[in-house]
Amino acid sequence: MQFVLRCSIRYVIHLKPTLTNNIPHPHDHFLKELLSYPEQAGILLRERLPTPVVKFLSAKPPRLVDASFVDKGLRGHLSDRLFEVETVNGKTAFLYVLIEHKSTPDGKVGWQLLRYLGEILKQWVKDNPDWERLPAIVPFVFYNGADKWKIPNEFLHLVDFEESWRPYLLDFQFPVLDLGIIPDLELSEDRRLRARLLAMKYATRKAKQLAIREQLIEALENAPEDLLPIIQYLIICLFPARLCK
């Protein structure tokens, strides 16, 4: 098994740019596939959402809502996943994951989140016309670009306002998962999740791929069922079209 892994990883890292592909957004496809599994999605959210949020989540796995709210014109670098969850007190809430797969962070991500959260609530109100209280929605940004995320994680950062007006203005914070700043061994305690996150972290960091070859081999040994999709993803990200930017 290890021989196969070593040969596969060596092939991917030294791949010559002679191939083509027809997967326009490999990061999007790869992560959304992972988040389609309730158990894996639940682990990622519990490991990376703020503690005050996680401690009120029930033991039930999140339920994936079949919907997307990202504008068609932005789907080249943004995608999303919406999950319905139950709290320990029996409340229904939503966790909204916005996936940013540009090489550099989008400074207007707070504005995008505000719009999408509004669309989620509009749909919920339409489905629940007799509502009395709206459900809570916690936004969460997933980022695996090569540049460090340096954008403030609050909406009000985008608003030009008088400081004394702050208490009266709409604002919210959003946690950001920047894969690039997390040590490789701390990406996840789950073997399958760690292997996939490790691949995503270094898919946009070609100069460092040789250095992590052994770690990736070890991660894949612990998650053999994910060998094929991970190898395919890494190959696509090394094609000359440079789709993984």
Protein backbone atom coordinates (compact mmCIF):
# COMPACT_ATOMS: atom_id res chain seq x y z
CA MET A 1 0.00 0.00 0.00
CA GLN A 2 2.76 2.44 0.93
CA PHE A 3 4.55 1.73 -2.36
CA VAL A 4 1.41 2.64 -4.29
CA LEU A 5 0.98 5.80 -2.26
CA ARG A 6 4.58 6.89 -2.76
CA CYS A 7 4.39 6.32 -6.50
CA SER A 8 1.08 8.19 -6.72
CA ILE A 9 2.27 11.19 -4.72
CA ARG A 10 5.57 11.31 -6.59
CA TYR A 11 3.69 11.27 -9.89
CA VAL A 12 1.38 14.09 -8.83
CA ILE A 13 4.14 16.36 -7.51
CA HIS A 14 6.37 15.90 -10.57
CA LEU A 15 3.52 15.87 -13.09
CA LYS A 16 4.40 17.44 -16.44
CA PRO A 17 1.89 20.01 -17.75
CA THR A 18 0.59 17.95 -20.66
CA LEU A 19 -2.91 17.12 -19.49
CA THR A 20 -6.24 18.88 -19.62
CA ASN A 21 -9.37 18.68 -17.49
CA ASN A 22 -13.02 19.61 -17.50
CA ILE A 23 -13.61 20.35 -13.81
CA PRO A 24 -13.86 24.17 -13.65
CA HIS A 25 -13.80 24.59 -9.87
CA PRO A 26 -11.89 21.70 -8.26
CA HIS A 27 -11.74 23.23 -4.74
CA ASP A 28 -15.49 23.72 -4.82
CA HIS A 29 -16.18 20.17 -6.04
CA PHE A 30 -13.72 18.58 -3.61
CA LEU A 31 -14.89 20.34 -0.45
CA LYS A 32 -18.59 20.19 -1.25
CA GLU A 33 -18.24 16.44 -1.77
CA LEU A 34 -16.67 16.18 1.68
CA LEU A 35 -19.38 18.32 3.29
CA SER A 36 -22.06 16.13 1.72
CA TYR A 37 -21.36 13.53 4.40
CA PRO A 38 -23.14 14.59 7.64
CA GLU A 39 -20.56 12.93 9.90
CA GLN A 40 -17.59 14.63 8.23
CA ALA A 41 -19.38 17.97 8.04
CA GLY A 42 -20.29 17.72 11.71
CA ILE A 43 -16.69 17.03 12.71
CA LEU A 44 -15.35 19.97 10.70
CA LEU A 45 -17.93 22.36 12.12
CA ARG A 46 -17.41 21.21 15.70
CA GLU A 47 -13.63 21.47 15.38
CA ARG A 48 -13.59 24.92 13.80
CA LEU A 49 -16.63 26.89 14.94
CA PRO A 50 -16.23 29.06 18.07
CA THR A 51 -16.70 27.25 21.39
CA PRO A 52 -19.79 29.31 22.39
CA VAL A 53 -21.50 27.97 19.25
CA VAL A 54 -20.30 24.37 19.48
CA LYS A 55 -21.25 23.84 23.12
CA PHE A 56 -24.91 24.42 22.28
CA LEU A 57 -25.05 22.03 19.31
CA SER A 58 -26.89 18.77 19.95
CA ALA A 59 -25.30 15.41 19.22
CA LYS A 60 -27.37 15.04 16.06
CA PRO A 61 -25.36 15.42 12.84
CA PRO A 62 -26.12 18.51 10.74
CA ARG A 63 -28.65 18.12 7.94
CA LEU A 64 -27.50 19.38 4.55
CA VAL A 65 -30.04 21.73 2.97
CA ASP A 66 -30.24 21.32 -0.78
CA ALA A 67 -29.78 24.95 -1.76
CA SER A 68 -27.13 27.44 -2.88
CA PHE A 69 -27.30 31.21 -2.49
CA VAL A 70 -24.14 32.37 -4.27
CA ASP A 71 -24.70 34.55 -7.34
CA LYS A 72 -23.94 32.81 -10.63
CA GLY A 73 -21.37 35.45 -11.50
CA LEU A 74 -19.40 34.73 -8.31
CA ARG A 75 -19.38 30.95 -8.47
CA GLY A 76 -15.90 31.00 -9.98
CA HIS A 77 -14.45 31.72 -6.55
CA LEU A 78 -17.31 31.30 -4.08
CA SER A 79 -19.51 28.36 -3.19
CA ASP A 80 -21.60 27.48 -0.17
CA ARG A 81 -23.20 24.84 2.00
CA LEU A 82 -26.17 25.34 4.34
CA PHE A 83 -26.78 23.02 7.29
CA GLU A 84 -29.76 22.77 9.59
CA VAL A 85 -28.85 21.88 13.17
CA GLU A 86 -30.57 21.36 16.49
CA THR A 87 -29.34 22.93 19.71
CA VAL A 88 -29.17 21.22 23.09
CA ASN A 89 -32.26 23.23 24.04
CA GLY A 90 -34.25 21.92 21.08
CA LYS A 91 -34.02 25.04 18.93
CA THR A 92 -33.61 24.82 15.17
CA ALA A 93 -30.74 26.85 13.72
CA PHE A 94 -28.59 27.03 10.60
CA LEU A 95 -24.87 26.97 9.93
CA TYR A 96 -23.93 28.66 6.66
CA VAL A 97 -20.53 27.77 5.18
CA LEU A 98 -19.19 30.13 2.52
CA ILE A 99 -16.25 28.59 0.67
CA GLU A 100 -13.71 31.13 -0.62
CA HIS A 101 -11.30 29.55 -3.07
CA LYS A 102 -9.49 32.52 -4.56
CA SER A 103 -5.72 32.78 -4.08
CA THR A 104 -6.29 35.99 -2.10
CA PRO A 105 -9.13 36.85 0.31
CA ASP A 106 -12.14 38.81 -0.93
CA GLY A 107 -12.34 42.05 1.03
CA LYS A 108 -16.11 42.23 0.52
CA VAL A 109 -16.92 38.80 1.92
CA GLY A 110 -18.91 40.40 4.75
CA TRP A 111 -21.23 42.00 2.21
CA GLN A 112 -21.65 38.69 0.42
CA LEU A 113 -22.54 37.00 3.70
CA LEU A 114 -25.12 39.65 4.57
CA ARG A 115 -26.85 39.17 1.24
CA TYR A 116 -26.84 35.37 1.46
CA LEU A 117 -28.06 35.34 5.06
CA GLY A 118 -30.93 37.56 3.93
CA GLU A 119 -31.77 35.15 1.11
CA ILE A 120 -31.75 32.21 3.53
CA LEU A 121 -34.18 34.00 5.85
CA LYS A 122 -36.42 35.01 2.93
CA GLN A 123 -36.69 31.38 1.88
CA TRP A 124 -37.30 30.25 5.46
CA VAL A 125 -40.09 32.81 5.95
CA LYS A 126 -41.66 31.65 2.69
CA ASP A 127 -41.61 28.06 3.93
CA ASN A 128 -42.84 29.04 7.42
CA PRO A 129 -45.50 31.76 6.90
CA ASP A 130 -46.82 31.47 10.47
CA TRP A 131 -43.44 32.15 12.08
CA GLU A 132 -43.10 34.15 15.27
CA ARG A 133 -39.32 34.15 15.69
CA LEU A 134 -36.60 33.76 13.07
CA PRO A 135 -34.00 30.98 13.31
CA ALA A 136 -30.42 31.81 14.19
CA ILE A 137 -27.88 31.55 11.36
CA VAL A 138 -24.16 31.30 12.13
CA PRO A 139 -21.97 32.19 9.12
CA PHE A 140 -18.61 30.47 8.65
CA VAL A 141 -15.96 31.19 5.98
CA PHE A 142 -13.70 28.40 4.69
CA TYR A 143 -10.53 29.68 2.96
CA ASN A 144 -7.62 27.76 1.45
CA GLY A 145 -5.91 30.44 -0.64
CA ALA A 146 -2.15 30.88 -0.73
CA ASP A 147 -2.19 34.34 0.89
CA LYS A 148 -2.90 34.76 4.59
CA TRP A 149 -6.39 35.92 5.52
CA LYS A 150 -5.99 39.45 6.95
CA ILE A 151 -9.49 40.82 6.52
CA PRO A 152 -11.40 41.73 9.72
CA ASN A 153 -14.10 39.14 10.36
CA GLU A 154 -16.94 41.57 10.97
CA PHE A 155 -19.45 43.19 8.66
CA LEU A 156 -19.12 46.73 10.05
CA HIS A 157 -15.55 46.83 8.73
CA LEU A 158 -17.10 47.56 5.33
CA VAL A 159 -19.28 50.47 6.51
CA ASP A 160 -18.17 54.12 6.53
CA PHE A 161 -19.81 55.46 9.68
CA GLU A 162 -19.48 57.89 12.56
CA GLU A 163 -18.15 56.03 15.59
CA SER A 164 -20.97 57.26 17.83
CA TRP A 165 -23.41 55.53 15.50
CA ARG A 166 -21.94 52.07 16.14
CA PRO A 167 -24.60 50.87 18.64
CA TYR A 168 -27.34 51.54 16.08
CA LEU A 169 -25.80 49.90 13.03
CA LEU A 170 -26.17 46.34 11.79
CA ASP A 171 -23.09 44.24 12.52
CA PHE A 172 -22.13 40.59 12.89
CA GLN A 173 -18.95 38.58 13.16
CA PHE A 174 -18.05 35.52 11.11
CA PRO A 175 -15.43 32.90 12.04
CA VAL A 176 -12.86 32.19 9.32
CA LEU A 177 -11.02 28.91 8.79
CA ASP A 178 -7.73 29.79 7.07
CA LEU A 179 -6.07 26.45 6.32
CA GLY A 180 -2.71 28.10 5.68
CA ILE A 181 -2.12 29.13 9.30
CA ILE A 182 -3.07 25.80 10.90
CA PRO A 183 -0.19 23.36 11.61
CA ASP A 184 -0.51 20.25 9.44
CA LEU A 185 -0.90 17.88 12.38
CA GLU A 186 -3.68 20.03 13.83
CA LEU A 187 -5.87 20.27 10.74
CA SER A 188 -8.26 17.70 12.20
CA GLU A 189 -8.36 14.83 14.66
CA ASP A 190 -10.40 12.84 12.13
CA ARG A 191 -8.18 10.80 9.79
CA ARG A 192 -10.29 11.29 6.65
CA LEU A 193 -10.90 14.95 7.25
CA ARG A 194 -7.22 15.61 7.95
CA ALA A 195 -6.16 13.94 4.69
CA ARG A 196 -8.55 16.05 2.65
CA LEU A 197 -7.71 19.31 4.42
CA LEU A 198 -4.00 18.62 4.01
CA ALA A 199 -4.51 18.16 0.26
CA MET A 200 -6.52 21.38 0.04
CA LYS A 201 -3.97 23.33 2.05
CA TYR A 202 -1.07 22.48 -0.25
CA ALA A 203 -2.96 22.40 -3.55
CA THR A 204 -2.48 26.18 -3.65
CA ARG A 205 1.09 26.06 -2.29
CA LYS A 206 3.03 24.28 -5.03
CA ALA A 207 6.45 25.41 -3.76
CA LYS A 208 5.87 23.50 -0.52
CA GLN A 209 4.40 20.30 -1.93
CA LEU A 210 7.67 18.37 -1.99
CA ALA A 211 8.27 19.13 1.68
CA ILE A 212 4.95 17.61 2.77
CA ARG A 213 5.05 14.51 0.58
CA GLU A 214 5.71 12.16 3.52
CA GLN A 215 2.94 13.74 5.60
CA LEU A 216 0.49 13.34 2.76
CA ILE A 217 1.49 9.70 2.31
CA GLU A 218 0.95 9.09 6.03
CA ALA A 219 -2.42 10.84 5.93
CA LEU A 220 -3.54 8.76 2.95
CA GLU A 221 -2.42 5.54 4.65
CA ASN A 222 -4.87 6.40 7.41
CA ALA A 223 -7.64 7.17 4.91
CA PRO A 224 -7.25 4.70 2.03
CA GLU A 225 -10.89 5.12 1.00
CA ASP A 226 -10.09 8.71 0.01
CA LEU A 227 -6.98 7.91 -2.02
CA LEU A 228 -8.61 8.19 -5.46
CA PRO A 229 -10.49 11.50 -4.97
CA ILE A 230 -7.47 13.12 -3.29
CA ILE A 231 -5.05 12.03 -6.02
CA GLN A 232 -7.49 13.19 -8.71
CA TYR A 233 -7.88 16.54 -6.97
CA LEU A 234 -4.12 17.10 -6.70
CA ILE A 235 -3.59 16.15 -10.35
CA ILE A 236 -6.25 18.63 -11.49
CA CYS A 237 -4.62 21.34 -9.38
CA LEU A 238 -1.31 20.90 -11.21
CA PHE A 239 -2.69 21.16 -14.73
CA PRO A 240 -1.45 24.04 -16.89
CA ALA A 241 -4.83 25.76 -16.79
CA ARG A 242 -3.92 26.64 -13.19
CA LEU A 243 -7.43 26.11 -11.97
CA CYS A 244 -6.27 25.82 -8.36
CA LYS A 245 -5.15 29.39 -7.80
